[in-house]
Amino acid sequence: MVAVQFAFLAAYAVALVFVSVISFKRTKTLDDFQLAGRNVGPWLSAFAYGTTYFSAVIFIGYAGKLGWSFGMATVWIGIGNAVIGSYLAWKVLGNRTRAYTRRLEVSTMPEFFMARYNSRGLKILSAVVIFVFLTPYCASVYQGLAYLFESTLGIPFVWCMVGMAVLTALYLVLGGYMANVMSNFVQGICMVLGVGLMMNMHIFWGV
């Protein structure tokens, strides 16, 4: 069983490397690197957003900790995240943000705030906010996945962190945003299949 798990993990790592190489060949300009040429479709965007937003937080934090402690009541947390954090965020901000960034020819949110409001202070403030809040968030995701690999596969925590960091750096440096989107698409498929498999095992086999 452990050998099968390692095989799936190795296949996923190979898929990430393959995505990195393909994305690198398609990346010609800075705009390609940062925004994939602004040509990412809705399905890829949805998978990228969903797998980033609902990752170790959902499977380990909510399902593993809160779900185990409080039962089905914690489903409302997921529903709130899906409706408010996903649907309303895209419905209210998505189209407008895309239109503004195209018109102002900017690639990042700090650049957007500076160009939209003609304020260098807002650019610095937004960059600081992104750094301060996303750094611990990314660290928590890495930590959650490392604990998962350590408990299920017996891989030491430190080596899990190093391996994930190397893979992440590889596909980000080589392919930029397109590599990130494509890797999240692969991850999203794995998450959908994994959730479906776990639900079937629980319903039909009581596992």
C-alpha atoms as a PDB file:
ATOM      1  CA  MET A   1       0.000   0.000   0.000  1.00  0.00           C
ATOM      2  CA  VAL A   2       2.832   2.387   0.865  1.00  0.00           C
ATOM      3  CA  ALA A   3       4.490   1.609  -2.458  1.00  0.00           C
ATOM      4  CA  VAL A   4       1.311   2.578  -4.293  1.00  0.00           C
ATOM      5  CA  GLN A   5       1.150   5.856  -2.359  1.00  0.00           C
ATOM      6  CA  PHE A   6       4.758   6.643  -3.234  1.00  0.00           C
ATOM      7  CA  ALA A   7       4.033   5.794  -6.875  1.00  0.00           C
ATOM      8  CA  PHE A   8       1.138   8.257  -6.983  1.00  0.00           C
ATOM      9  CA  LEU A   9       3.277  10.914  -5.271  1.00  0.00           C
ATOM     10  CA  ALA A  10       6.098  10.365  -7.761  1.00  0.00           C
ATOM     11  CA  ALA A  11       3.646  10.547 -10.674  1.00  0.00           C
ATOM     12  CA  TYR A  12       2.338  13.860  -9.352  1.00  0.00           C
ATOM     13  CA  ALA A  13       5.876  15.239  -9.039  1.00  0.00           C
ATOM     14  CA  VAL A  14       6.650  14.148 -12.612  1.00  0.00           C
ATOM     15  CA  ALA A  15       3.445  15.851 -13.777  1.00  0.00           C
ATOM     16  CA  LEU A  16       4.563  19.094 -12.110  1.00  0.00           C
ATOM     17  CA  VAL A  17       7.938  18.929 -13.841  1.00  0.00           C
ATOM     18  CA  PHE A  18       6.243  18.234 -17.181  1.00  0.00           C
ATOM     19  CA  VAL A  19       3.912  21.199 -16.676  1.00  0.00           C
ATOM     20  CA  SER A  20       6.899  23.386 -15.825  1.00  0.00           C
ATOM     21  CA  VAL A  21       8.711  22.480 -19.032  1.00  0.00           C
ATOM     22  CA  ILE A  22       5.628  23.033 -21.222  1.00  0.00           C
ATOM     23  CA  SER A  23       4.896  26.371 -19.551  1.00  0.00           C
ATOM     24  CA  PHE A  24       8.532  27.457 -19.925  1.00  0.00           C
ATOM     25  CA  LYS A  25       8.344  26.897 -23.685  1.00  0.00           C
ATOM     26  CA  ARG A  26       5.207  29.057 -23.888  1.00  0.00           C
ATOM     27  CA  THR A  27       6.598  31.892 -21.775  1.00  0.00           C
ATOM     28  CA  LYS A  28       8.148  34.518 -24.041  1.00  0.00           C
ATOM     29  CA  THR A  29       7.490  37.868 -22.357  1.00  0.00           C
ATOM     30  CA  LEU A  30       7.155  39.305 -18.857  1.00  0.00           C
ATOM     31  CA  ASP A  31       3.382  39.467 -19.357  1.00  0.00           C
ATOM     32  CA  ASP A  32       3.403  35.750 -20.189  1.00  0.00           C
ATOM     33  CA  PHE A  33       5.369  35.022 -17.019  1.00  0.00           C
ATOM     34  CA  GLN A  34       3.204  37.127 -14.687  1.00  0.00           C
ATOM     35  CA  LEU A  35      -0.256  36.662 -16.225  1.00  0.00           C
ATOM     36  CA  ALA A  36       0.087  33.893 -18.832  1.00  0.00           C
ATOM     37  CA  GLY A  37      -0.553  36.507 -21.506  1.00  0.00           C
ATOM     38  CA  ARG A  38      -3.977  37.164 -19.958  1.00  0.00           C
ATOM     39  CA  ASN A  39      -5.267  34.158 -21.892  1.00  0.00           C
ATOM     40  CA  VAL A  40      -6.212  31.819 -19.038  1.00  0.00           C
ATOM     41  CA  GLY A  41      -9.812  30.669 -19.470  1.00  0.00           C
ATOM     42  CA  PRO A  42     -12.542  30.413 -16.829  1.00  0.00           C
ATOM     43  CA  TRP A  43     -12.101  26.705 -16.069  1.00  0.00           C
ATOM     44  CA  LEU A  44      -8.364  26.960 -15.509  1.00  0.00           C
ATOM     45  CA  SER A  45      -8.889  30.107 -13.425  1.00  0.00           C
ATOM     46  CA  ALA A  46     -11.565  28.368 -11.356  1.00  0.00           C
ATOM     47  CA  PHE A  47      -9.321  25.369 -10.673  1.00  0.00           C
ATOM     48  CA  ALA A  48      -6.370  27.640  -9.836  1.00  0.00           C
ATOM     49  CA  TYR A  49      -8.442  29.696  -7.397  1.00  0.00           C
ATOM     50  CA  GLY A  50     -10.228  26.716  -5.895  1.00  0.00           C
ATOM     51  CA  THR A  51      -7.172  24.569  -5.284  1.00  0.00           C
ATOM     52  CA  THR A  52      -5.304  27.526  -3.807  1.00  0.00           C
ATOM     53  CA  TYR A  53      -8.171  28.614  -1.560  1.00  0.00           C
ATOM     54  CA  PHE A  54      -9.448  25.147  -0.603  1.00  0.00           C
ATOM     55  CA  SER A  55      -6.331  23.096   0.000  1.00  0.00           C
ATOM     56  CA  ALA A  56      -4.758  21.884   3.233  1.00  0.00           C
ATOM     57  CA  VAL A  57      -7.007  24.330   5.086  1.00  0.00           C
ATOM     58  CA  ILE A  58     -10.123  22.405   4.089  1.00  0.00           C
ATOM     59  CA  PHE A  59      -8.843  18.824   4.128  1.00  0.00           C
ATOM     60  CA  ILE A  60      -6.683  19.028   7.236  1.00  0.00           C
ATOM     61  CA  GLY A  61      -7.892  22.089   9.136  1.00  0.00           C
ATOM     62  CA  TYR A  62     -11.670  22.008   8.679  1.00  0.00           C
ATOM     63  CA  ALA A  63     -12.299  18.352   7.850  1.00  0.00           C
ATOM     64  CA  GLY A  64      -9.511  16.914   9.976  1.00  0.00           C
ATOM     65  CA  LYS A  65      -9.764  19.108  13.064  1.00  0.00           C
ATOM     66  CA  LEU A  66     -13.141  20.870  13.168  1.00  0.00           C
ATOM     67  CA  GLY A  67     -15.027  18.165  11.289  1.00  0.00           C
ATOM     68  CA  TRP A  68     -13.736  15.486  13.628  1.00  0.00           C
ATOM     69  CA  SER A  69     -14.550  17.621  16.698  1.00  0.00           C
ATOM     70  CA  PHE A  70     -17.934  19.096  15.754  1.00  0.00           C
ATOM     71  CA  GLY A  71     -19.309  16.890  12.997  1.00  0.00           C
ATOM     72  CA  MET A  72     -21.519  17.953  10.098  1.00  0.00           C
ATOM     73  CA  ALA A  73     -22.141  21.420  11.558  1.00  0.00           C
ATOM     74  CA  THR A  74     -18.780  22.514  10.164  1.00  0.00           C
ATOM     75  CA  VAL A  75     -20.162  22.070   6.618  1.00  0.00           C
ATOM     76  CA  TRP A  76     -21.557  25.589   7.014  1.00  0.00           C
ATOM     77  CA  ILE A  77     -17.993  26.918   7.196  1.00  0.00           C
ATOM     78  CA  GLY A  78     -17.267  25.409   3.801  1.00  0.00           C
ATOM     79  CA  ILE A  79     -20.528  26.734   2.378  1.00  0.00           C
ATOM     80  CA  GLY A  80     -19.739  30.226   3.681  1.00  0.00           C
ATOM     81  CA  ASN A  81     -16.275  30.085   2.151  1.00  0.00           C
ATOM     82  CA  ALA A  82     -17.657  28.887  -1.178  1.00  0.00           C
ATOM     83  CA  VAL A  83     -20.430  31.493  -1.381  1.00  0.00           C
ATOM     84  CA  ILE A  84     -18.708  34.528   0.123  1.00  0.00           C
ATOM     85  CA  GLY A  85     -15.054  33.786  -0.449  1.00  0.00           C
ATOM     86  CA  SER A  86     -15.443  32.398  -3.952  1.00  0.00           C
ATOM     87  CA  TYR A  87     -18.681  33.268  -5.728  1.00  0.00           C
ATOM     88  CA  LEU A  88     -19.228  36.807  -4.413  1.00  0.00           C
ATOM     89  CA  ALA A  89     -15.538  37.690  -4.707  1.00  0.00           C
ATOM     90  CA  TRP A  90     -15.506  36.757  -8.385  1.00  0.00           C
ATOM     91  CA  LYS A  91     -18.978  38.155  -9.101  1.00  0.00           C
ATOM     92  CA  VAL A  92     -18.325  41.556  -7.510  1.00  0.00           C
ATOM     93  CA  LEU A  93     -14.620  42.038  -8.200  1.00  0.00           C
ATOM     94  CA  GLY A  94     -13.602  39.715 -11.029  1.00  0.00           C
ATOM     95  CA  ASN A  95     -14.803  41.471 -14.185  1.00  0.00           C
ATOM     96  CA  ARG A  96     -14.083  44.961 -12.894  1.00  0.00           C
ATOM     97  CA  THR A  97     -10.585  44.102 -11.785  1.00  0.00           C
ATOM     98  CA  ARG A  98      -9.817  42.448 -15.116  1.00  0.00           C
ATOM     99  CA  ALA A  99     -11.127  45.450 -17.057  1.00  0.00           C
ATOM    100  CA  TYR A 100      -9.175  47.961 -14.948  1.00  0.00           C
ATOM    101  CA  THR A 101      -5.901  46.044 -15.097  1.00  0.00           C
ATOM    102  CA  ARG A 102      -6.176  45.746 -18.876  1.00  0.00           C
ATOM    103  CA  ARG A 103      -6.908  49.435 -19.282  1.00  0.00           C
ATOM    104  CA  LEU A 104      -4.168  50.541 -16.902  1.00  0.00           C
ATOM    105  CA  GLU A 105      -1.725  47.926 -18.245  1.00  0.00           C
ATOM    106  CA  VAL A 106      -0.709  46.619 -14.838  1.00  0.00           C
ATOM    107  CA  SER A 107       0.153  43.085 -13.750  1.00  0.00           C
ATOM    108  CA  THR A 108      -0.051  43.090  -9.943  1.00  0.00           C
ATOM    109  CA  MET A 109      -2.447  44.440  -7.335  1.00  0.00           C
ATOM    110  CA  PRO A 110       0.114  46.895  -5.860  1.00  0.00           C
ATOM    111  CA  GLU A 111       0.648  48.286  -9.375  1.00  0.00           C
ATOM    112  CA  PHE A 112      -3.121  48.491  -9.806  1.00  0.00           C
ATOM    113  CA  PHE A 113      -3.613  50.539  -6.644  1.00  0.00           C
ATOM    114  CA  MET A 114      -0.838  52.921  -7.616  1.00  0.00           C
ATOM    115  CA  ALA A 115      -2.147  53.411 -11.153  1.00  0.00           C
ATOM    116  CA  ARG A 116      -5.826  53.555 -10.169  1.00  0.00           C
ATOM    117  CA  TYR A 117      -5.438  56.045  -7.309  1.00  0.00           C
ATOM    118  CA  ASN A 118      -2.131  57.647  -8.303  1.00  0.00           C
ATOM    119  CA  SER A 119      -0.657  56.771  -4.936  1.00  0.00           C
ATOM    120  CA  ARG A 120       2.737  55.193  -4.355  1.00  0.00           C
ATOM    121  CA  GLY A 121       1.805  54.847  -0.680  1.00  0.00           C
ATOM    122  CA  LEU A 122      -1.090  52.519  -1.556  1.00  0.00           C
ATOM    123  CA  LYS A 123       1.255  50.447  -3.675  1.00  0.00           C
ATOM    124  CA  ILE A 124       3.669  50.001  -0.769  1.00  0.00           C
ATOM    125  CA  LEU A 125       0.863  49.371   1.727  1.00  0.00           C
ATOM    126  CA  SER A 126      -0.822  46.721  -0.432  1.00  0.00           C
ATOM    127  CA  ALA A 127       2.525  44.999  -1.047  1.00  0.00           C
ATOM    128  CA  VAL A 128       3.182  44.919   2.700  1.00  0.00           C
ATOM    129  CA  VAL A 129      -0.317  43.546   3.408  1.00  0.00           C
ATOM    130  CA  ILE A 130       0.129  40.802   0.800  1.00  0.00           C
ATOM    131  CA  PHE A 131       3.534  39.850   2.206  1.00  0.00           C
ATOM    132  CA  VAL A 132       2.462  39.918   5.852  1.00  0.00           C
ATOM    133  CA  PHE A 133      -0.693  37.845   5.424  1.00  0.00           C
ATOM    134  CA  LEU A 134       0.233  35.482   2.579  1.00  0.00           C
ATOM    135  CA  THR A 135       3.554  34.407   4.076  1.00  0.00           C
ATOM    136  CA  PRO A 136       2.041  32.730   7.185  1.00  0.00           C
ATOM    137  CA  TYR A 137      -0.810  31.372   5.041  1.00  0.00           C
ATOM    138  CA  CYS A 138       1.647  29.685   2.671  1.00  0.00           C
ATOM    139  CA  ALA A 139       3.646  28.438   5.638  1.00  0.00           C
ATOM    140  CA  SER A 140       0.508  26.894   7.179  1.00  0.00           C
ATOM    141  CA  VAL A 141      -0.334  25.107   3.918  1.00  0.00           C
ATOM    142  CA  TYR A 142       3.194  23.722   3.675  1.00  0.00           C
ATOM    143  CA  GLN A 143       3.076  22.687   7.317  1.00  0.00           C
ATOM    144  CA  GLY A 144      -0.276  20.938   6.917  1.00  0.00           C
ATOM    145  CA  LEU A 145       0.869  18.995   3.857  1.00  0.00           C
ATOM    146  CA  ALA A 146       4.182  18.103   5.496  1.00  0.00           C
ATOM    147  CA  TYR A 147       2.366  16.689   8.534  1.00  0.00           C
ATOM    148  CA  LEU A 148       0.099  14.733   6.191  1.00  0.00           C
ATOM    149  CA  PHE A 149       3.009  13.191   4.299  1.00  0.00           C
ATOM    150  CA  GLU A 150       4.856  12.463   7.522  1.00  0.00           C
ATOM    151  CA  SER A 151       1.883  10.676   9.108  1.00  0.00           C
ATOM    152  CA  THR A 152       0.785   8.723   6.016  1.00  0.00           C
ATOM    153  CA  LEU A 153       4.066   8.004   4.224  1.00  0.00           C
ATOM    154  CA  GLY A 154       6.612   8.273   7.027  1.00  0.00           C
ATOM    155  CA  ILE A 155       8.652  10.949   5.233  1.00  0.00           C
ATOM    156  CA  PRO A 156      10.404  13.242   7.753  1.00  0.00           C
ATOM    157  CA  PHE A 157       8.756  16.631   8.164  1.00  0.00           C
ATOM    158  CA  VAL A 158      11.863  18.581   7.126  1.00  0.00           C
ATOM    159  CA  TRP A 159      12.312  16.621   3.911  1.00  0.00           C
ATOM    160  CA  CYS A 160       8.647  17.140   3.048  1.00  0.00           C
ATOM    161  CA  MET A 161       9.082  20.895   3.415  1.00  0.00           C
ATOM    162  CA  VAL A 162      12.268  20.884   1.333  1.00  0.00           C
ATOM    163  CA  GLY A 163      10.720  18.738  -1.409  1.00  0.00           C
ATOM    164  CA  MET A 164       7.625  20.919  -1.705  1.00  0.00           C
ATOM    165  CA  ALA A 165       9.735  24.081  -1.744  1.00  0.00           C
ATOM    166  CA  VAL A 166      11.959  22.719  -4.530  1.00  0.00           C
ATOM    167  CA  LEU A 167       9.004  21.634  -6.678  1.00  0.00           C
ATOM    168  CA  THR A 168       7.216  24.947  -6.126  1.00  0.00           C
ATOM    169  CA  ALA A 169      10.327  26.944  -6.999  1.00  0.00           C
ATOM    170  CA  LEU A 170      10.864  24.795 -10.096  1.00  0.00           C
ATOM    171  CA  TYR A 171       7.499  25.339 -11.711  1.00  0.00           C
ATOM    172  CA  LEU A 172       7.214  28.978 -10.651  1.00  0.00           C
ATOM    173  CA  VAL A 173      10.664  29.999 -11.874  1.00  0.00           C
ATOM    174  CA  LEU A 174      10.390  28.073 -15.122  1.00  0.00           C
ATOM    175  CA  GLY A 175       6.823  28.737 -16.186  1.00  0.00           C
ATOM    176  CA  GLY A 176       5.484  31.564 -14.029  1.00  0.00           C
ATOM    177  CA  TYR A 177       1.741  31.989 -13.727  1.00  0.00           C
ATOM    178  CA  MET A 178       0.881  29.506 -16.483  1.00  0.00           C
ATOM    179  CA  ALA A 179       2.834  26.776 -14.697  1.00  0.00           C
ATOM    180  CA  ASN A 180       1.028  27.674 -11.488  1.00  0.00           C
ATOM    181  CA  VAL A 181      -2.362  27.499 -13.184  1.00  0.00           C
ATOM    182  CA  MET A 182      -1.618  24.201 -14.917  1.00  0.00           C
ATOM    183  CA  SER A 183      -0.235  22.607 -11.750  1.00  0.00           C
ATOM    184  CA  ASN A 184      -3.334  23.743  -9.863  1.00  0.00           C
ATOM    185  CA  PHE A 185      -5.475  22.228 -12.605  1.00  0.00           C
ATOM    186  CA  VAL A 186      -3.723  18.880 -12.106  1.00  0.00           C
ATOM    187  CA  GLN A 187      -4.082  19.282  -8.345  1.00  0.00           C
ATOM    188  CA  GLY A 188      -7.770  20.115  -8.718  1.00  0.00           C
ATOM    189  CA  ILE A 189      -8.427  16.933 -10.671  1.00  0.00           C
ATOM    190  CA  CYS A 190      -6.615  14.930  -7.976  1.00  0.00           C
ATOM    191  CA  MET A 191      -8.663  16.667  -5.260  1.00  0.00           C
ATOM    192  CA  VAL A 192     -12.000  15.991  -7.003  1.00  0.00           C
ATOM    193  CA  LEU A 193     -11.136  12.334  -7.609  1.00  0.00           C
ATOM    194  CA  GLY A 194      -9.773  11.953  -4.072  1.00  0.00           C
ATOM    195  CA  VAL A 195     -12.855  13.460  -2.434  1.00  0.00           C
ATOM    196  CA  GLY A 196     -15.125  11.283  -4.564  1.00  0.00           C
ATOM    197  CA  LEU A 197     -13.121   8.192  -3.636  1.00  0.00           C
ATOM    198  CA  MET A 198     -13.213   9.017   0.084  1.00  0.00           C
ATOM    199  CA  MET A 199     -16.973   9.610  -0.028  1.00  0.00           C
ATOM    200  CA  ASN A 200     -17.586   6.293  -1.811  1.00  0.00           C
ATOM    201  CA  MET A 201     -15.360   4.444   0.643  1.00  0.00           C
ATOM    202  CA  HIS A 202     -17.239   5.979   3.566  1.00  0.00           C
ATOM    203  CA  ILE A 203     -20.720   5.398   2.133  1.00  0.00           C
ATOM    204  CA  PHE A 204     -20.313   1.918   0.649  1.00  0.00           C
ATOM    205  CA  TRP A 205     -17.543   0.388   2.749  1.00  0.00           C
ATOM    206  CA  GLY A 206     -17.833   2.323   6.010  1.00  0.00           C
ATOM    207  CA  VAL A 207     -14.156   3.308   5.974  1.00  0.00           C
END
